[in-house]
Amino acid sequence: MKLAYYGTSVAVFGSKRSNHGNYQGQLDSGPVSAQSGFSDSNQFQSVLFSGNSTQLGMHTVTMTNMDDQFLGIDFVSRSLKCYLRS
């Protein structure tokens, strides 16, 4: 899954279960984060991946399923960091 968004940070939420496998998350062309979606007990709306950028603008988050198992994504949340000048 690739998702383009405008902001500074992103978090991908989903489920972890016994039939879920390994996956990777990446923000833009940054480092790849290898993770496991496996859990003995069902976990829902867990943070599967999060990333931050120092620059406000367009970014792409990529989630890659590495196994022949499920990767359950529920929703994606992005943030804008704004600074006020006095």
Foldseek 3Di string as FASTA:
>chain_A
DKDKDFAFKKWWFFKAEQQWAKKWKDKAPDDIDIDTSHDPDIDGRHTPDMDGHPDGGMIMMDMGRPDPTDDTTDDMDHHHDDDDDD
